[in-house]
Amino acid sequence: MQKPNQEVISYNLKMVGSEVHVVKNGGWRGKVEKVIDSEYFEISRIENPLETEIVSMYDIRSTTYGT
């Protein structure tokens, strides 16, 4: 049986490559580049992919529904 933290990280890995809306700092669109831990993701900005920021899962929203 996996540890609860590992289960969360495993689930969060499904977000990698997804386009998201970040609600902090005035709001901006980005792409999930990698999972840092069970709560944080590295997100690149759509308008400047070389600019990344570590963002809490509570500050991002999916831009697609379904799947």
PDB file of N, CA and C in Angstrom:
ATOM      1  N   MET A   1       0.835  -1.188   0.000  1.00  0.00           N
ATOM      2  CA  MET A   1       0.000   0.000   0.000  1.00  0.00           C
ATOM      3  C   MET A   1       0.875   1.245   0.000  1.00  0.00           C
ATOM      4  N   GLN A   2       0.533   2.214  -0.872  1.00  0.00           N
ATOM      5  CA  GLN A   2       1.302   3.455  -0.955  1.00  0.00           C
ATOM      6  C   GLN A   2       0.991   4.350   0.229  1.00  0.00           C
ATOM      7  N   LYS A   3       1.951   5.166   0.577  1.00  0.00           N
ATOM      8  CA  LYS A   3       1.723   6.178   1.599  1.00  0.00           C
ATOM      9  C   LYS A   3       0.767   7.220   1.029  1.00  0.00           C
ATOM     10  N   PRO A   4      -0.062   7.847   1.872  1.00  0.00           N
ATOM     11  CA  PRO A   4      -1.005   8.860   1.367  1.00  0.00           C
ATOM     12  C   PRO A   4      -0.324   9.973   0.570  1.00  0.00           C
ATOM     13  N   ASN A   5       0.846  10.424   1.012  1.00  0.00           N
ATOM     14  CA  ASN A   5       1.572  11.486   0.316  1.00  0.00           C
ATOM     15  C   ASN A   5       1.964  11.040  -1.092  1.00  0.00           C
ATOM     16  N   GLN A   6       2.412   9.807  -1.220  1.00  0.00           N
ATOM     17  CA  GLN A   6       2.801   9.274  -2.531  1.00  0.00           C
ATOM     18  C   GLN A   6       1.591   9.139  -3.450  1.00  0.00           C
ATOM     19  N   GLU A   7       0.441   8.817  -2.881  1.00  0.00           N
ATOM     20  CA  GLU A   7      -0.783   8.716  -3.674  1.00  0.00           C
ATOM     21  C   GLU A   7      -1.163  10.080  -4.253  1.00  0.00           C
ATOM     22  N   VAL A   8      -1.018  11.122  -3.444  1.00  0.00           N
ATOM     23  CA  VAL A   8      -1.332  12.477  -3.901  1.00  0.00           C
ATOM     24  C   VAL A   8      -0.377  12.883  -5.018  1.00  0.00           C
ATOM     25  N   ILE A   9       0.916  12.631  -4.829  1.00  0.00           N
ATOM     26  CA  ILE A   9       1.903  12.975  -5.856  1.00  0.00           C
ATOM     27  C   ILE A   9       1.617  12.203  -7.140  1.00  0.00           C
ATOM     28  N   SER A  10       1.287  10.927  -7.017  1.00  0.00           N
ATOM     29  CA  SER A  10       0.959  10.113  -8.189  1.00  0.00           C
ATOM     30  C   SER A  10      -0.236  10.693  -8.938  1.00  0.00           C
ATOM     31  N   TYR A  11      -1.250  11.121  -8.208  1.00  0.00           N
ATOM     32  CA  TYR A  11      -2.424  11.737  -8.825  1.00  0.00           C
ATOM     33  C   TYR A  11      -2.051  13.068  -9.471  1.00  0.00           C
ATOM     34  N   ASN A  12      -1.238  13.875  -8.775  1.00  0.00           N
ATOM     35  CA  ASN A  12      -0.844  15.191  -9.298  1.00  0.00           C
ATOM     36  C   ASN A  12      -0.014  15.087 -10.571  1.00  0.00           C
ATOM     37  N   LEU A  13       0.692  13.996 -10.757  1.00  0.00           N
ATOM     38  CA  LEU A  13       1.493  13.812 -11.974  1.00  0.00           C
ATOM     39  C   LEU A  13       0.624  13.828 -13.231  1.00  0.00           C
ATOM     40  N   LYS A  14      -0.660  13.540 -13.095  1.00  0.00           N
ATOM     41  CA  LYS A  14      -1.579  13.586 -14.239  1.00  0.00           C
ATOM     42  C   LYS A  14      -1.758  15.010 -14.761  1.00  0.00           C
ATOM     43  N   MET A  15      -1.431  16.006 -13.926  1.00  0.00           N
ATOM     44  CA  MET A  15      -1.577  17.412 -14.310  1.00  0.00           C
ATOM     45  C   MET A  15      -0.430  17.910 -15.194  1.00  0.00           C
ATOM     46  N   VAL A  16       0.707  17.216 -15.191  1.00  0.00           N
ATOM     47  CA  VAL A  16       1.866  17.659 -15.966  1.00  0.00           C
ATOM     48  C   VAL A  16       1.483  17.771 -17.439  1.00  0.00           C
ATOM     49  N   GLY A  17       1.777  18.935 -18.023  1.00  0.00           N
ATOM     50  CA  GLY A  17       1.449  19.197 -19.418  1.00  0.00           C
ATOM     51  C   GLY A  17       0.113  19.910 -19.600  1.00  0.00           C
ATOM     52  N   SER A  18      -0.664  20.015 -18.527  1.00  0.00           N
ATOM     53  CA  SER A  18      -1.980  20.661 -18.607  1.00  0.00           C
ATOM     54  C   SER A  18      -1.864  22.174 -18.555  1.00  0.00           C
ATOM     55  N   GLU A  19      -2.767  22.840 -19.268  1.00  0.00           N
ATOM     56  CA  GLU A  19      -2.859  24.292 -19.198  1.00  0.00           C
ATOM     57  C   GLU A  19      -3.759  24.645 -18.027  1.00  0.00           C
ATOM     58  N   VAL A  20      -3.328  25.613 -17.222  1.00  0.00           N
ATOM     59  CA  VAL A  20      -4.062  26.003 -16.021  1.00  0.00           C
ATOM     60  C   VAL A  20      -4.163  27.520 -15.926  1.00  0.00           C
ATOM     61  N   HIS A  21      -5.083  27.960 -15.069  1.00  0.00           N
ATOM     62  CA  HIS A  21      -5.203  29.378 -14.740  1.00  0.00           C
ATOM     63  C   HIS A  21      -4.708  29.538 -13.307  1.00  0.00           C
ATOM     64  N   VAL A  22      -3.700  30.399 -13.110  1.00  0.00           N
ATOM     65  CA  VAL A  22      -3.162  30.677 -11.779  1.00  0.00           C
ATOM     66  C   VAL A  22      -3.902  31.898 -11.246  1.00  0.00           C
ATOM     67  N   VAL A  23      -4.474  31.788 -10.046  1.00  0.00           N
ATOM     68  CA  VAL A  23      -5.311  32.868  -9.529  1.00  0.00           C
ATOM     69  C   VAL A  23      -4.535  33.885  -8.693  1.00  0.00           C
ATOM     70  N   LYS A  24      -3.266  33.628  -8.378  1.00  0.00           N
ATOM     71  CA  LYS A  24      -2.515  34.607  -7.584  1.00  0.00           C
ATOM     72  C   LYS A  24      -1.770  35.585  -8.492  1.00  0.00           C
ATOM     73  N   ASN A  25      -1.312  36.678  -7.908  1.00  0.00           N
ATOM     74  CA  ASN A  25      -0.571  37.716  -8.652  1.00  0.00           C
ATOM     75  C   ASN A  25      -1.356  38.265  -9.834  1.00  0.00           C
ATOM     76  N   GLY A  26      -2.623  38.514  -9.642  1.00  0.00           N
ATOM     77  CA  GLY A  26      -3.444  39.098 -10.700  1.00  0.00           C
ATOM     78  C   GLY A  26      -4.017  38.099 -11.677  1.00  0.00           C
ATOM     79  N   GLY A  27      -3.636  36.852 -11.579  1.00  0.00           N
ATOM     80  CA  GLY A  27      -4.138  35.804 -12.464  1.00  0.00           C
ATOM     81  C   GLY A  27      -3.377  35.734 -13.772  1.00  0.00           C
ATOM     82  N   TRP A  28      -3.009  34.549 -14.183  1.00  0.00           N
ATOM     83  CA  TRP A  28      -2.308  34.333 -15.446  1.00  0.00           C
ATOM     84  C   TRP A  28      -2.459  32.882 -15.874  1.00  0.00           C
ATOM     85  N   ARG A  29      -2.224  32.635 -17.167  1.00  0.00           N
ATOM     86  CA  ARG A  29      -2.335  31.289 -17.720  1.00  0.00           C
ATOM     87  C   ARG A  29      -0.954  30.663 -17.801  1.00  0.00           C
ATOM     88  N   GLY A  30      -0.924  29.385 -17.504  1.00  0.00           N
ATOM     89  CA  GLY A  30       0.356  28.690 -17.537  1.00  0.00           C
ATOM     90  C   GLY A  30       0.187  27.220 -17.862  1.00  0.00           C
ATOM     91  N   LYS A  31       1.324  26.526 -17.867  1.00  0.00           N
ATOM     92  CA  LYS A  31       1.358  25.100 -18.168  1.00  0.00           C
ATOM     93  C   LYS A  31       2.107  24.410 -17.036  1.00  0.00           C
ATOM     94  N   VAL A  32       1.550  23.307 -16.527  1.00  0.00           N
ATOM     95  CA  VAL A  32       2.196  22.553 -15.460  1.00  0.00           C
ATOM     96  C   VAL A  32       3.419  21.841 -16.037  1.00  0.00           C
ATOM     97  N   GLU A  33       4.583  22.167 -15.504  1.00  0.00           N
ATOM     98  CA  GLU A  33       5.834  21.567 -15.969  1.00  0.00           C
ATOM     99  C   GLU A  33       6.245  20.355 -15.133  1.00  0.00           C
ATOM    100  N   LYS A  34       6.091  20.463 -13.800  1.00  0.00           N
ATOM    101  CA  LYS A  34       6.421  19.320 -12.951  1.00  0.00           C
ATOM    102  C   LYS A  34       5.785  19.457 -11.581  1.00  0.00           C
ATOM    103  N   VAL A  35       5.725  18.329 -10.884  1.00  0.00           N
ATOM    104  CA  VAL A  35       5.197  18.267  -9.522  1.00  0.00           C
ATOM    105  C   VAL A  35       6.376  18.416  -8.576  1.00  0.00           C
ATOM    106  N   ILE A  36       6.289  19.368  -7.656  1.00  0.00           N
ATOM    107  CA  ILE A  36       7.352  19.582  -6.680  1.00  0.00           C
ATOM    108  C   ILE A  36       7.153  18.655  -5.481  1.00  0.00           C
ATOM    109  N   ASP A  37       5.951  18.645  -4.930  1.00  0.00           N
ATOM    110  CA  ASP A  37       5.600  17.758  -3.820  1.00  0.00           C
ATOM    111  C   ASP A  37       4.089  17.571  -3.824  1.00  0.00           C
ATOM    112  N   SER A  38       3.517  17.156  -2.714  1.00  0.00           N
ATOM    113  CA  SER A  38       2.080  16.866  -2.704  1.00  0.00           C
ATOM    114  C   SER A  38       1.206  18.104  -2.824  1.00  0.00           C
ATOM    115  N   GLU A  39       1.774  19.301  -2.691  1.00  0.00           N
ATOM    116  CA  GLU A  39       0.978  20.533  -2.783  1.00  0.00           C
ATOM    117  C   GLU A  39       1.432  21.499  -3.867  1.00  0.00           C
ATOM    118  N   TYR A  40       2.688  21.446  -4.274  1.00  0.00           N
ATOM    119  CA  TYR A  40       3.219  22.472  -5.169  1.00  0.00           C
ATOM    120  C   TYR A  40       3.583  21.939  -6.555  1.00  0.00           C
ATOM    121  N   PHE A  41       3.353  22.814  -7.548  1.00  0.00           N
ATOM    122  CA  PHE A  41       3.680  22.530  -8.938  1.00  0.00           C
ATOM    123  C   PHE A  41       4.609  23.617  -9.462  1.00  0.00           C
ATOM    124  N   GLU A  42       5.429  23.260 -10.451  1.00  0.00           N
ATOM    125  CA  GLU A  42       6.184  24.277 -11.188  1.00  0.00           C
ATOM    126  C   GLU A  42       5.366  24.589 -12.436  1.00  0.00           C
ATOM    127  N   ILE A  43       5.011  25.871 -12.596  1.00  0.00           N
ATOM    128  CA  ILE A  43       4.162  26.315 -13.703  1.00  0.00           C
ATOM    129  C   ILE A  43       4.928  27.297 -14.569  1.00  0.00           C
ATOM    130  N   SER A  44       4.915  27.078 -15.894  1.00  0.00           N
ATOM    131  CA  SER A  44       5.527  28.043 -16.817  1.00  0.00           C
ATOM    132  C   SER A  44       4.421  28.937 -17.363  1.00  0.00           C
ATOM    133  N   ARG A  45       4.772  30.176 -17.638  1.00  0.00           N
ATOM    134  CA  ARG A  45       3.784  31.121 -18.185  1.00  0.00           C
ATOM    135  C   ARG A  45       3.602  30.858 -19.676  1.00  0.00           C
ATOM    136  N   ILE A  46       2.355  30.924 -20.135  1.00  0.00           N
ATOM    137  CA  ILE A  46       2.046  30.697 -21.549  1.00  0.00           C
ATOM    138  C   ILE A  46       2.749  31.741 -22.411  1.00  0.00           C
ATOM    139  N   GLU A  47       2.729  33.009 -21.988  1.00  0.00           N
ATOM    140  CA  GLU A  47       3.319  34.080 -22.793  1.00  0.00           C
ATOM    141  C   GLU A  47       4.850  34.082 -22.765  1.00  0.00           C
ATOM    142  N   ASN A  48       5.457  33.422 -21.769  1.00  0.00           N
ATOM    143  CA  ASN A  48       6.913  33.333 -21.676  1.00  0.00           C
ATOM    144  C   ASN A  48       7.276  32.011 -21.000  1.00  0.00           C
ATOM    145  N   PRO A  49       7.365  30.922 -21.773  1.00  0.00           N
ATOM    146  CA  PRO A  49       7.589  29.592 -21.193  1.00  0.00           C
ATOM    147  C   PRO A  49       8.886  29.445 -20.394  1.00  0.00           C
ATOM    148  N   LEU A  50       9.849  30.335 -20.597  1.00  0.00           N
ATOM    149  CA  LEU A  50      11.091  30.246 -19.831  1.00  0.00           C
ATOM    150  C   LEU A  50      10.925  30.782 -18.410  1.00  0.00           C
ATOM    151  N   GLU A  51       9.844  31.500 -18.172  1.00  0.00           N
ATOM    152  CA  GLU A  51       9.564  32.041 -16.838  1.00  0.00           C
ATOM    153  C   GLU A  51       8.676  31.048 -16.092  1.00  0.00           C
ATOM    154  N   THR A  52       9.206  30.467 -15.013  1.00  0.00           N
ATOM    155  CA  THR A  52       8.434  29.508 -14.237  1.00  0.00           C
ATOM    156  C   THR A  52       8.257  30.013 -12.806  1.00  0.00           C
ATOM    157  N   GLU A  53       7.255  29.459 -12.151  1.00  0.00           N
ATOM    158  CA  GLU A  53       6.978  29.831 -10.770  1.00  0.00           C
ATOM    159  C   GLU A  53       6.456  28.598 -10.034  1.00  0.00           C
ATOM    160  N   ILE A  54       6.826  28.468  -8.769  1.00  0.00           N
ATOM    161  CA  ILE A  54       6.311  27.400  -7.931  1.00  0.00           C
ATOM    162  C   ILE A  54       4.977  27.888  -7.350  1.00  0.00           C
ATOM    163  N   VAL A  55       3.915  27.103  -7.576  1.00  0.00           N
ATOM    164  CA  VAL A  55       2.560  27.536  -7.220  1.00  0.00           C
ATOM    165  C   VAL A  55       1.860  26.427  -6.433  1.00  0.00           C
ATOM    166  N   SER A  56       1.133  26.810  -5.395  1.00  0.00           N
ATOM    167  CA  SER A  56       0.340  25.866  -4.613  1.00  0.00           C
ATOM    168  C   SER A  56      -0.838  25.361  -5.443  1.00  0.00           C
ATOM    169  N   MET A  57      -1.212  24.125  -5.218  1.00  0.00           N
ATOM    170  CA  MET A  57      -2.362  23.553  -5.919  1.00  0.00           C
ATOM    171  C   MET A  57      -3.649  24.323  -5.623  1.00  0.00           C
ATOM    172  N   TYR A  58      -3.676  25.043  -4.510  1.00  0.00           N
ATOM    173  CA  TYR A  58      -4.863  25.809  -4.144  1.00  0.00           C
ATOM    174  C   TYR A  58      -4.962  27.122  -4.919  1.00  0.00           C
ATOM    175  N   ASP A  59      -3.909  27.474  -5.652  1.00  0.00           N
ATOM    176  CA  ASP A  59      -3.897  28.714  -6.436  1.00  0.00           C
ATOM    177  C   ASP A  59      -4.016  28.464  -7.935  1.00  0.00           C
ATOM    178  N   ILE A  60      -4.318  27.229  -8.336  1.00  0.00           N
ATOM    179  CA  ILE A  60      -4.483  26.949  -9.763  1.00  0.00           C
ATOM    180  C   ILE A  60      -5.861  26.361 -10.039  1.00  0.00           C
ATOM    181  N   ARG A  61      -6.349  26.637 -11.242  1.00  0.00           N
ATOM    182  CA  ARG A  61      -7.636  26.105 -11.702  1.00  0.00           C
ATOM    183  C   ARG A  61      -7.425  25.483 -13.076  1.00  0.00           C
ATOM    184  N   SER A  62      -8.073  24.394 -13.314  1.00  0.00           N
ATOM    185  CA  SER A  62      -8.002  23.743 -14.618  1.00  0.00           C
ATOM    186  C   SER A  62      -8.711  24.594 -15.653  1.00  0.00           C
ATOM    187  N   THR A  63      -8.186  24.609 -16.874  1.00  0.00           N
ATOM    188  CA  THR A  63      -8.850  25.351 -17.942  1.00  0.00           C
ATOM    189  C   THR A  63      -9.702  24.440 -18.805  1.00  0.00           C
ATOM    190  N   THR A  64      -9.661  23.121 -18.541  1.00  0.00           N
ATOM    191  CA  THR A  64     -10.474  22.164 -19.278  1.00  0.00           C
ATOM    192  C   THR A  64     -11.269  21.325 -18.291  1.00  0.00           C
ATOM    193  N   TYR A  65     -12.393  20.846 -18.740  1.00  0.00           N
ATOM    194  CA  TYR A  65     -13.225  20.004 -17.890  1.00  0.00           C
ATOM    195  C   TYR A  65     -13.403  18.667 -18.566  1.00  0.00           C
ATOM    196  N   GLY A  66     -13.649  17.662 -17.794  1.00  0.00           N
ATOM    197  CA  GLY A  66     -13.829  16.321 -18.342  1.00  0.00           C
ATOM    198  C   GLY A  66     -12.621  15.474 -18.020  1.00  0.00           C
ATOM    199  N   THR A  67     -12.302  14.554 -18.887  1.00  0.00           N
ATOM    200  CA  THR A  67     -11.214  13.583 -18.741  1.00  0.00           C
ATOM    201  C   THR A  67     -11.237  12.922 -17.431  1.00  0.00           C
TER     202      THR A  67
END
